[in-house]
Amino acid sequence: MKPTALLVTRDRAALLLLQAALDVLEIDTQICYSTEEAVAALVEQDFAAVVLDFDLPQAAQVARMSRIAHPVRKPLLGAMVGFYTAVNGAAECGINFVLHKPLNVEEVTRCLNASKKTMLANRRRSPRGKMETLVHLAFEGRVVPALSHDVSEHGLALQAPEALPHLQDVDLRFMLPGANHKVEAQCEVIWADKDGCAGLFFTQLTPQSRKHLKMWMAQRRPRREDAVRVLLPPMQKWYSKVAGR
C-alpha cells in the first residue's frame, strides 16, 4: 500500500501542485479544507506526511495534534506560509520543512524529494500507538480537540495539544469507542499538567449519554477499581497499581 500525505489547505493552486509532485513520488494524497476535518482525519488514519497551510485558523493546533495522534511514528510535517502568515507557535510544533506561498514547482519538488526517504522510514518504523477516541472540549469561548486514553462511567483521561486550565465548567462531547453513540457532558478538570495530559470528572451527563455510556461500560466489563484509576494522574495510577497487589 502506498504511503498517504494529508494536505490541509483551501488554496486550489497549491493543492494541484502538491498532488502532482506527490503523484510523481508515488505518494497518495487526502485533502482537508478545514482544521476541524484535519483533526478528525489524523485520529482515524495513519499519514506519512502532513502539509499544512498556516493561514488556516488553528493550524498550529492541527500540527500539535499530528504529534499526539501518532506518538510513535510521527508524520513528516510541512508548513505552507505566505509573506503575511502569522507563525506564532510554529517552531514548537516540530515543523520539518517550510513551503513559501505562492508555491513554485522547484521548491516543492526539492523539499518533497528530500523528504521522501524520511516519510517511508517513519511509516515502517513501528505500529501506531492506541488512542481511543477524539474528544472536543468547549470552554472560555473556544473549542479544543483532544484524544482520550481511557473512559469510565465517572470521567476520562486525555491528551490535549495544550495545557488545560483547572476549570469546573467544561462542555465535552465524544463518540464512544467502537460504538456509534455520542456522549455529551459537563465536566470538571480535576488534574492537568503542562504537557496537555488531564483527568476530567463528569459533573453532568445528558440522559441519553448516561444510558449509552452505562451500556458501553457493561459490555466492556471493567474491574471496579478501573473507574477510579482513569481519573488519577499518572504517578497516582502507578502507586494505586502497586499498592493493590
C-alpha atoms as a PDB file:
ATOM      1  CA  MET A   1       0.000   0.000   0.000  1.00  0.00           C
ATOM      2  CA  LYS A   2       1.269   3.468  -0.903  1.00  0.00           C
ATOM      3  CA  PRO A   3       2.001   5.988   1.862  1.00  0.00           C
ATOM      4  CA  THR A   4      -0.501   8.860   2.089  1.00  0.00           C
ATOM      5  CA  ALA A   5       0.077  12.568   2.682  1.00  0.00           C
ATOM      6  CA  LEU A   6      -2.603  14.771   4.239  1.00  0.00           C
ATOM      7  CA  LEU A   7      -2.949  18.170   2.544  1.00  0.00           C
ATOM      8  CA  VAL A   8      -4.719  20.812   4.618  1.00  0.00           C
ATOM      9  CA  THR A   9      -5.469  23.981   2.652  1.00  0.00           C
ATOM     10  CA  ARG A  10      -8.154  25.840   0.697  1.00  0.00           C
ATOM     11  CA  ASP A  11      -5.649  27.054  -1.901  1.00  0.00           C
ATOM     12  CA  ARG A  12      -6.611  25.226  -5.112  1.00  0.00           C
ATOM     13  CA  ALA A  13      -3.410  26.109  -6.996  1.00  0.00           C
ATOM     14  CA  ALA A  14      -1.295  24.813  -4.108  1.00  0.00           C
ATOM     15  CA  LEU A  15      -3.332  21.589  -3.941  1.00  0.00           C
ATOM     16  CA  LEU A  16      -2.891  20.871  -7.648  1.00  0.00           C
ATOM     17  CA  LEU A  17       0.869  21.439  -7.486  1.00  0.00           C
ATOM     18  CA  LEU A  18       1.324  19.328  -4.348  1.00  0.00           C
ATOM     19  CA  GLN A  19      -0.814  16.488  -5.709  1.00  0.00           C
ATOM     20  CA  ALA A  20       1.180  16.428  -8.956  1.00  0.00           C
ATOM     21  CA  ALA A  21       4.533  16.391  -7.120  1.00  0.00           C
ATOM     22  CA  LEU A  22       3.431  13.681  -4.678  1.00  0.00           C
ATOM     23  CA  ASP A  23       1.999  11.580  -7.503  1.00  0.00           C
ATOM     24  CA  VAL A  24       5.434  11.522  -9.163  1.00  0.00           C
ATOM     25  CA  LEU A  25       6.853  10.249  -5.855  1.00  0.00           C
ATOM     26  CA  GLU A  26       4.096   7.560  -5.730  1.00  0.00           C
ATOM     27  CA  ILE A  27       2.542   9.027  -2.582  1.00  0.00           C
ATOM     28  CA  ASP A  28      -1.246   9.184  -2.332  1.00  0.00           C
ATOM     29  CA  THR A  29      -2.989  12.294  -1.046  1.00  0.00           C
ATOM     30  CA  GLN A  30      -6.006  13.083   1.107  1.00  0.00           C
ATOM     31  CA  ILE A  31      -7.377  16.630   1.222  1.00  0.00           C
ATOM     32  CA  CYS A  32      -8.951  18.530   4.119  1.00  0.00           C
ATOM     33  CA  TYR A  33     -10.237  22.064   3.635  1.00  0.00           C
ATOM     34  CA  SER A  34     -10.571  22.908   7.343  1.00  0.00           C
ATOM     35  CA  THR A  35      -8.639  22.274  10.528  1.00  0.00           C
ATOM     36  CA  GLU A  36     -11.679  20.510  12.043  1.00  0.00           C
ATOM     37  CA  GLU A  37     -11.662  17.952   9.202  1.00  0.00           C
ATOM     38  CA  ALA A  38      -7.910  17.547   9.555  1.00  0.00           C
ATOM     39  CA  VAL A  39      -8.049  16.743  13.278  1.00  0.00           C
ATOM     40  CA  ALA A  40     -10.677  14.042  12.662  1.00  0.00           C
ATOM     41  CA  ALA A  41      -8.628  12.564   9.800  1.00  0.00           C
ATOM     42  CA  LEU A  42      -5.469  12.436  11.933  1.00  0.00           C
ATOM     43  CA  VAL A  43      -7.253  10.423  14.611  1.00  0.00           C
ATOM     44  CA  GLU A  44      -8.764   7.964  12.139  1.00  0.00           C
ATOM     45  CA  GLN A  45      -5.832   7.383   9.773  1.00  0.00           C
ATOM     46  CA  ASP A  46      -2.065   6.986   9.629  1.00  0.00           C
ATOM     47  CA  PHE A  47      -0.260   9.536   7.399  1.00  0.00           C
ATOM     48  CA  ALA A  48       3.334   9.573   6.209  1.00  0.00           C
ATOM     49  CA  ALA A  49       3.236  13.376   5.955  1.00  0.00           C
ATOM     50  CA  VAL A  50       1.017  16.354   6.718  1.00  0.00           C
ATOM     51  CA  VAL A  51       1.342  19.532   4.639  1.00  0.00           C
ATOM     52  CA  LEU A  52      -0.490  22.291   6.483  1.00  0.00           C
ATOM     53  CA  ASP A  53      -1.474  25.806   5.388  1.00  0.00           C
ATOM     54  CA  PHE A  54      -0.631  28.071   8.320  1.00  0.00           C
ATOM     55  CA  ASP A  55      -3.045  30.720   7.023  1.00  0.00           C
ATOM     56  CA  LEU A  56      -5.914  28.492   8.219  1.00  0.00           C
ATOM     57  CA  PRO A  57      -7.282  29.232  11.695  1.00  0.00           C
ATOM     58  CA  GLN A  58      -5.980  26.852  14.400  1.00  0.00           C
ATOM     59  CA  ALA A  59      -3.256  25.483  12.100  1.00  0.00           C
ATOM     60  CA  ALA A  60      -0.760  25.193  14.960  1.00  0.00           C
ATOM     61  CA  GLN A  61      -3.331  23.144  16.875  1.00  0.00           C
ATOM     62  CA  VAL A  62      -3.548  20.659  13.974  1.00  0.00           C
ATOM     63  CA  ALA A  63       0.249  20.440  13.874  1.00  0.00           C
ATOM     64  CA  ARG A  64       0.387  19.586  17.574  1.00  0.00           C
ATOM     65  CA  MET A  65      -2.450  17.070  17.183  1.00  0.00           C
ATOM     66  CA  SER A  66      -0.485  15.248  14.475  1.00  0.00           C
ATOM     67  CA  ARG A  67       2.198  14.599  17.100  1.00  0.00           C
ATOM     68  CA  ILE A  68      -0.326  13.448  19.716  1.00  0.00           C
ATOM     69  CA  ALA A  69      -2.298  11.160  17.386  1.00  0.00           C
ATOM     70  CA  HIS A  70       0.864   9.426  16.187  1.00  0.00           C
ATOM     71  CA  PRO A  71       3.307   9.490  19.126  1.00  0.00           C
ATOM     72  CA  VAL A  72       5.418   6.565  17.886  1.00  0.00           C
ATOM     73  CA  ARG A  73       5.752   7.297  14.178  1.00  0.00           C
ATOM     74  CA  LYS A  74       5.058  10.971  13.782  1.00  0.00           C
ATOM     75  CA  PRO A  75       4.214  12.101  10.241  1.00  0.00           C
ATOM     76  CA  LEU A  76       6.595  14.442   8.482  1.00  0.00           C
ATOM     77  CA  LEU A  77       5.188  17.948   8.963  1.00  0.00           C
ATOM     78  CA  GLY A  78       5.364  20.646   6.288  1.00  0.00           C
ATOM     79  CA  ALA A  79       4.154  24.231   6.735  1.00  0.00           C
ATOM     80  CA  MET A  80       2.863  26.429   3.909  1.00  0.00           C
ATOM     81  CA  VAL A  81       3.408  30.093   4.763  1.00  0.00           C
ATOM     82  CA  GLY A  82       2.838  33.380   2.977  1.00  0.00           C
ATOM     83  CA  PHE A  83       4.544  36.747   3.394  1.00  0.00           C
ATOM     84  CA  TYR A  84       1.970  37.849   5.988  1.00  0.00           C
ATOM     85  CA  THR A  85       1.392  34.466   7.671  1.00  0.00           C
ATOM     86  CA  ALA A  86       1.471  34.625  11.458  1.00  0.00           C
ATOM     87  CA  VAL A  87       3.628  31.694  12.520  1.00  0.00           C
ATOM     88  CA  ASN A  88       3.410  32.147  16.272  1.00  0.00           C
ATOM     89  CA  GLY A  89       3.891  28.766  17.914  1.00  0.00           C
ATOM     90  CA  ALA A  90       5.042  27.062  14.694  1.00  0.00           C
ATOM     91  CA  ALA A  91       8.574  26.419  15.970  1.00  0.00           C
ATOM     92  CA  GLU A  92       7.418  24.225  18.865  1.00  0.00           C
ATOM     93  CA  CYS A  93       5.100  22.233  16.583  1.00  0.00           C
ATOM     94  CA  GLY A  94       8.011  20.269  15.141  1.00  0.00           C
ATOM     95  CA  ILE A  95       7.896  21.588  11.553  1.00  0.00           C
ATOM     96  CA  ASN A  96      10.185  19.555   9.260  1.00  0.00           C
ATOM     97  CA  PHE A  97      10.082  21.785   6.189  1.00  0.00           C
ATOM     98  CA  VAL A  98       8.563  25.088   5.013  1.00  0.00           C
ATOM     99  CA  LEU A  99       6.985  25.869   1.626  1.00  0.00           C
ATOM    100  CA  HIS A 100       6.520  29.529   0.688  1.00  0.00           C
ATOM    101  CA  LYS A 101       3.284  30.696  -0.976  1.00  0.00           C
ATOM    102  CA  PRO A 102       2.607  31.066  -3.789  1.00  0.00           C
ATOM    103  CA  LEU A 103       4.190  27.641  -4.221  1.00  0.00           C
ATOM    104  CA  ASN A 104       6.635  27.066  -7.044  1.00  0.00           C
ATOM    105  CA  VAL A 105       7.468  23.754  -8.689  1.00  0.00           C
ATOM    106  CA  GLU A 106      11.199  23.829  -7.934  1.00  0.00           C
ATOM    107  CA  GLU A 107      10.840  24.403  -4.188  1.00  0.00           C
ATOM    108  CA  VAL A 108       8.041  21.844  -3.775  1.00  0.00           C
ATOM    109  CA  THR A 109       9.903  19.182  -5.788  1.00  0.00           C
ATOM    110  CA  ARG A 110      13.159  19.778  -3.893  1.00  0.00           C
ATOM    111  CA  CYS A 111      11.516  19.614  -0.442  1.00  0.00           C
ATOM    112  CA  LEU A 112       9.398  16.543  -1.176  1.00  0.00           C
ATOM    113  CA  ASN A 113      12.239  14.652  -2.865  1.00  0.00           C
ATOM    114  CA  ALA A 114      14.467  15.326   0.139  1.00  0.00           C
ATOM    115  CA  SER A 115      11.698  14.193   2.497  1.00  0.00           C
ATOM    116  CA  LYS A 116      10.544  11.016   0.736  1.00  0.00           C
ATOM    117  CA  LYS A 117      13.065   8.705   2.413  1.00  0.00           C
ATOM    118  CA  THR A 118      12.060  10.019   5.856  1.00  0.00           C
ATOM    119  CA  MET A 119       8.351   9.566   5.078  1.00  0.00           C
ATOM    120  CA  LEU A 120       8.890   5.916   4.169  1.00  0.00           C
ATOM    121  CA  ALA A 121      11.210   5.282   7.138  1.00  0.00           C
ATOM    122  CA  ASN A 122       8.675   6.750   9.585  1.00  0.00           C
ATOM    123  CA  ARG A 123       5.961   4.569   8.088  1.00  0.00           C
ATOM    124  CA  ARG A 124       7.950   1.353   8.537  1.00  0.00           C
ATOM    125  CA  ARG A 125       9.378   2.050  11.977  1.00  0.00           C
ATOM    126  CA  SER A 126       6.674   0.652  14.282  1.00  0.00           C
ATOM    127  CA  PRO A 127       2.929   0.198  14.680  1.00  0.00           C
ATOM    128  CA  ARG A 128       0.709   3.089  15.668  1.00  0.00           C
ATOM    129  CA  GLY A 129       0.043   3.627  19.350  1.00  0.00           C
ATOM    130  CA  LYS A 130      -3.512   3.102  20.583  1.00  0.00           C
ATOM    131  CA  MET A 131      -5.719   6.153  21.022  1.00  0.00           C
ATOM    132  CA  GLU A 132      -9.349   5.521  21.784  1.00  0.00           C
ATOM    133  CA  THR A 133     -11.445   8.449  20.625  1.00  0.00           C
ATOM    134  CA  LEU A 134     -11.473  12.108  19.590  1.00  0.00           C
ATOM    135  CA  VAL A 135     -12.843  14.468  22.250  1.00  0.00           C
ATOM    136  CA  HIS A 136     -13.997  18.081  21.801  1.00  0.00           C
ATOM    137  CA  LEU A 137     -13.744  20.374  24.821  1.00  0.00           C
ATOM    138  CA  ALA A 138     -15.576  23.730  24.910  1.00  0.00           C
ATOM    139  CA  PHE A 139     -14.567  26.348  27.467  1.00  0.00           C
ATOM    140  CA  GLU A 140     -13.903  30.083  27.652  1.00  0.00           C
ATOM    141  CA  GLY A 141     -15.484  30.643  24.233  1.00  0.00           C
ATOM    142  CA  ARG A 142     -13.360  28.199  22.266  1.00  0.00           C
ATOM    143  CA  VAL A 143     -13.194  24.525  21.301  1.00  0.00           C
ATOM    144  CA  VAL A 144     -10.085  22.389  21.854  1.00  0.00           C
ATOM    145  CA  PRO A 145      -9.718  18.863  20.403  1.00  0.00           C
ATOM    146  CA  ALA A 146      -8.065  16.119  22.439  1.00  0.00           C
ATOM    147  CA  LEU A 147      -7.523  12.360  22.405  1.00  0.00           C
ATOM    148  CA  SER A 148      -8.842  10.175  25.212  1.00  0.00           C
ATOM    149  CA  HIS A 149      -6.623   7.482  26.708  1.00  0.00           C
ATOM    150  CA  ASP A 150      -9.355   5.877  28.804  1.00  0.00           C
ATOM    151  CA  VAL A 151     -13.037   6.346  29.641  1.00  0.00           C
ATOM    152  CA  SER A 152     -15.101   5.309  32.657  1.00  0.00           C
ATOM    153  CA  GLU A 153     -18.610   5.999  33.967  1.00  0.00           C
ATOM    154  CA  HIS A 154     -17.214   8.879  36.007  1.00  0.00           C
ATOM    155  CA  GLY A 155     -14.883  10.629  33.595  1.00  0.00           C
ATOM    156  CA  LEU A 156     -11.934  10.255  31.268  1.00  0.00           C
ATOM    157  CA  ALA A 157      -8.195  10.772  30.908  1.00  0.00           C
ATOM    158  CA  LEU A 158      -6.998  12.579  27.802  1.00  0.00           C
ATOM    159  CA  GLN A 159      -4.158  14.250  25.940  1.00  0.00           C
ATOM    160  CA  ALA A 160      -4.765  17.767  24.613  1.00  0.00           C
ATOM    161  CA  PRO A 161      -2.491  19.806  22.321  1.00  0.00           C
ATOM    162  CA  GLU A 162      -2.042  22.402  25.082  1.00  0.00           C
ATOM    163  CA  ALA A 163      -2.154  22.640  28.863  1.00  0.00           C
ATOM    164  CA  LEU A 164      -5.749  22.791  30.116  1.00  0.00           C
ATOM    165  CA  PRO A 165      -6.845  25.253  32.808  1.00  0.00           C
ATOM    166  CA  HIS A 166      -8.296  23.908  36.049  1.00  0.00           C
ATOM    167  CA  LEU A 167     -11.954  24.694  35.321  1.00  0.00           C
ATOM    168  CA  GLN A 168     -15.170  23.431  36.894  1.00  0.00           C
ATOM    169  CA  ASP A 169     -17.373  24.018  33.842  1.00  0.00           C
ATOM    170  CA  VAL A 170     -16.160  22.391  30.615  1.00  0.00           C
ATOM    171  CA  ASP A 171     -18.546  21.131  27.924  1.00  0.00           C
ATOM    172  CA  LEU A 172     -17.406  17.866  26.375  1.00  0.00           C
ATOM    173  CA  ARG A 173     -18.535  15.605  23.534  1.00  0.00           C
ATOM    174  CA  PHE A 174     -17.135  12.433  22.007  1.00  0.00           C
ATOM    175  CA  MET A 175     -18.157   9.212  20.282  1.00  0.00           C
ATOM    176  CA  LEU A 176     -17.889   6.072  22.373  1.00  0.00           C
ATOM    177  CA  PRO A 177     -15.005   3.921  21.080  1.00  0.00           C
ATOM    178  CA  GLY A 178     -16.328   1.090  18.918  1.00  0.00           C
ATOM    179  CA  ALA A 179     -19.923   2.379  19.087  1.00  0.00           C
ATOM    180  CA  ASN A 180     -21.984   4.886  17.126  1.00  0.00           C
ATOM    181  CA  HIS A 181     -23.188   6.804  20.187  1.00  0.00           C
ATOM    182  CA  LYS A 182     -22.276  10.352  21.193  1.00  0.00           C
ATOM    183  CA  VAL A 183     -21.647  11.345  24.801  1.00  0.00           C
ATOM    184  CA  GLU A 184     -22.303  14.946  25.833  1.00  0.00           C
ATOM    185  CA  ALA A 185     -21.385  16.089  29.320  1.00  0.00           C
ATOM    186  CA  GLN A 186     -20.327  18.896  31.566  1.00  0.00           C
ATOM    187  CA  CYS A 187     -17.024  18.262  33.299  1.00  0.00           C
ATOM    188  CA  GLU A 188     -14.548  19.476  35.856  1.00  0.00           C
ATOM    189  CA  VAL A 189     -10.797  19.354  35.176  1.00  0.00           C
ATOM    190  CA  ILE A 190      -9.572  17.638  38.334  1.00  0.00           C
ATOM    191  CA  TRP A 191      -5.906  17.494  37.325  1.00  0.00           C
ATOM    192  CA  ALA A 192      -3.835  18.746  34.389  1.00  0.00           C
ATOM    193  CA  ASP A 193      -0.130  19.015  33.595  1.00  0.00           C
ATOM    194  CA  LYS A 194       1.893  21.380  31.419  1.00  0.00           C
ATOM    195  CA  ASP A 195       2.080  18.810  28.567  1.00  0.00           C
ATOM    196  CA  GLY A 196      -1.707  18.665  27.997  1.00  0.00           C
ATOM    197  CA  CYS A 197      -2.465  15.458  29.924  1.00  0.00           C
ATOM    198  CA  ALA A 198      -5.580  15.789  32.082  1.00  0.00           C
ATOM    199  CA  GLY A 199      -8.283  13.972  34.000  1.00  0.00           C
ATOM    200  CA  LEU A 200     -11.897  15.170  33.721  1.00  0.00           C
ATOM    201  CA  PHE A 201     -14.763  14.247  36.015  1.00  0.00           C
ATOM    202  CA  PHE A 202     -18.316  14.143  34.603  1.00  0.00           C
ATOM    203  CA  THR A 203     -20.408  16.573  36.677  1.00  0.00           C
ATOM    204  CA  GLN A 204     -23.483  16.278  34.449  1.00  0.00           C
ATOM    205  CA  LEU A 205     -24.465  13.861  31.666  1.00  0.00           C
ATOM    206  CA  THR A 206     -27.452  14.081  29.331  1.00  0.00           C
ATOM    207  CA  PRO A 207     -29.914  11.176  29.920  1.00  0.00           C
ATOM    208  CA  GLN A 208     -29.090   9.619  26.539  1.00  0.00           C
ATOM    209  CA  SER A 209     -25.380   9.924  27.183  1.00  0.00           C
ATOM    210  CA  ARG A 210     -25.690   8.283  30.584  1.00  0.00           C
ATOM    211  CA  LYS A 211     -27.698   5.414  29.080  1.00  0.00           C
ATOM    212  CA  HIS A 212     -25.245   4.776  26.228  1.00  0.00           C
ATOM    213  CA  LEU A 213     -22.206   5.086  28.491  1.00  0.00           C
ATOM    214  CA  LYS A 214     -23.663   2.642  31.014  1.00  0.00           C
ATOM    215  CA  MET A 215     -24.402   0.101  28.247  1.00  0.00           C
ATOM    216  CA  TRP A 216     -20.932   0.550  26.786  1.00  0.00           C
ATOM    217  CA  MET A 217     -19.298   0.057  30.172  1.00  0.00           C
ATOM    218  CA  ALA A 218     -21.400  -3.074  30.824  1.00  0.00           C
ATOM    219  CA  GLN A 219     -20.184  -4.610  27.545  1.00  0.00           C
ATOM    220  CA  ARG A 220     -16.618  -3.694  28.416  1.00  0.00           C
ATOM    221  CA  ARG A 221     -16.926  -5.205  31.937  1.00  0.00           C
ATOM    222  CA  PRO A 222     -14.130  -3.225  33.621  1.00  0.00           C
ATOM    223  CA  ARG A 223     -12.910  -4.015  37.083  1.00  0.00           C
ATOM    224  CA  ARG A 224     -14.491  -1.709  39.655  1.00  0.00           C
ATOM    225  CA  GLU A 225     -11.200  -0.009  40.585  1.00  0.00           C
ATOM    226  CA  ASP A 226     -10.555   0.936  36.935  1.00  0.00           C
ATOM    227  CA  ALA A 227     -13.276   3.595  37.147  1.00  0.00           C
ATOM    228  CA  VAL A 228     -11.136   5.460  39.685  1.00  0.00           C
ATOM    229  CA  ARG A 229      -7.768   4.825  38.031  1.00  0.00           C
ATOM    230  CA  VAL A 230      -8.962   6.505  34.827  1.00  0.00           C
ATOM    231  CA  LEU A 231      -9.221   9.793  36.720  1.00  0.00           C
ATOM    232  CA  LEU A 232      -5.878   9.626  38.513  1.00  0.00           C
ATOM    233  CA  PRO A 233      -2.705  11.424  37.402  1.00  0.00           C
ATOM    234  CA  PRO A 234      -0.012   9.060  36.028  1.00  0.00           C
ATOM    235  CA  MET A 235       2.065   8.766  39.236  1.00  0.00           C
ATOM    236  CA  GLN A 236      -1.026   8.116  41.357  1.00  0.00           C
ATOM    237  CA  LYS A 237      -2.127   5.401  38.894  1.00  0.00           C
ATOM    238  CA  TRP A 238       1.260   3.724  39.296  1.00  0.00           C
ATOM    239  CA  TYR A 239       1.070   3.948  43.100  1.00  0.00           C
ATOM    240  CA  SER A 240      -2.508   2.637  43.116  1.00  0.00           C
ATOM    241  CA  LYS A 241      -1.491  -0.346  40.987  1.00  0.00           C
ATOM    242  CA  VAL A 242       1.495  -1.231  43.218  1.00  0.00           C
ATOM    243  CA  ALA A 243      -0.483  -0.769  46.441  1.00  0.00           C
ATOM    244  CA  GLY A 244      -3.264  -3.008  45.101  1.00  0.00           C
ATOM    245  CA  ARG A 245      -1.004  -6.007  44.589  1.00  0.00           C
END
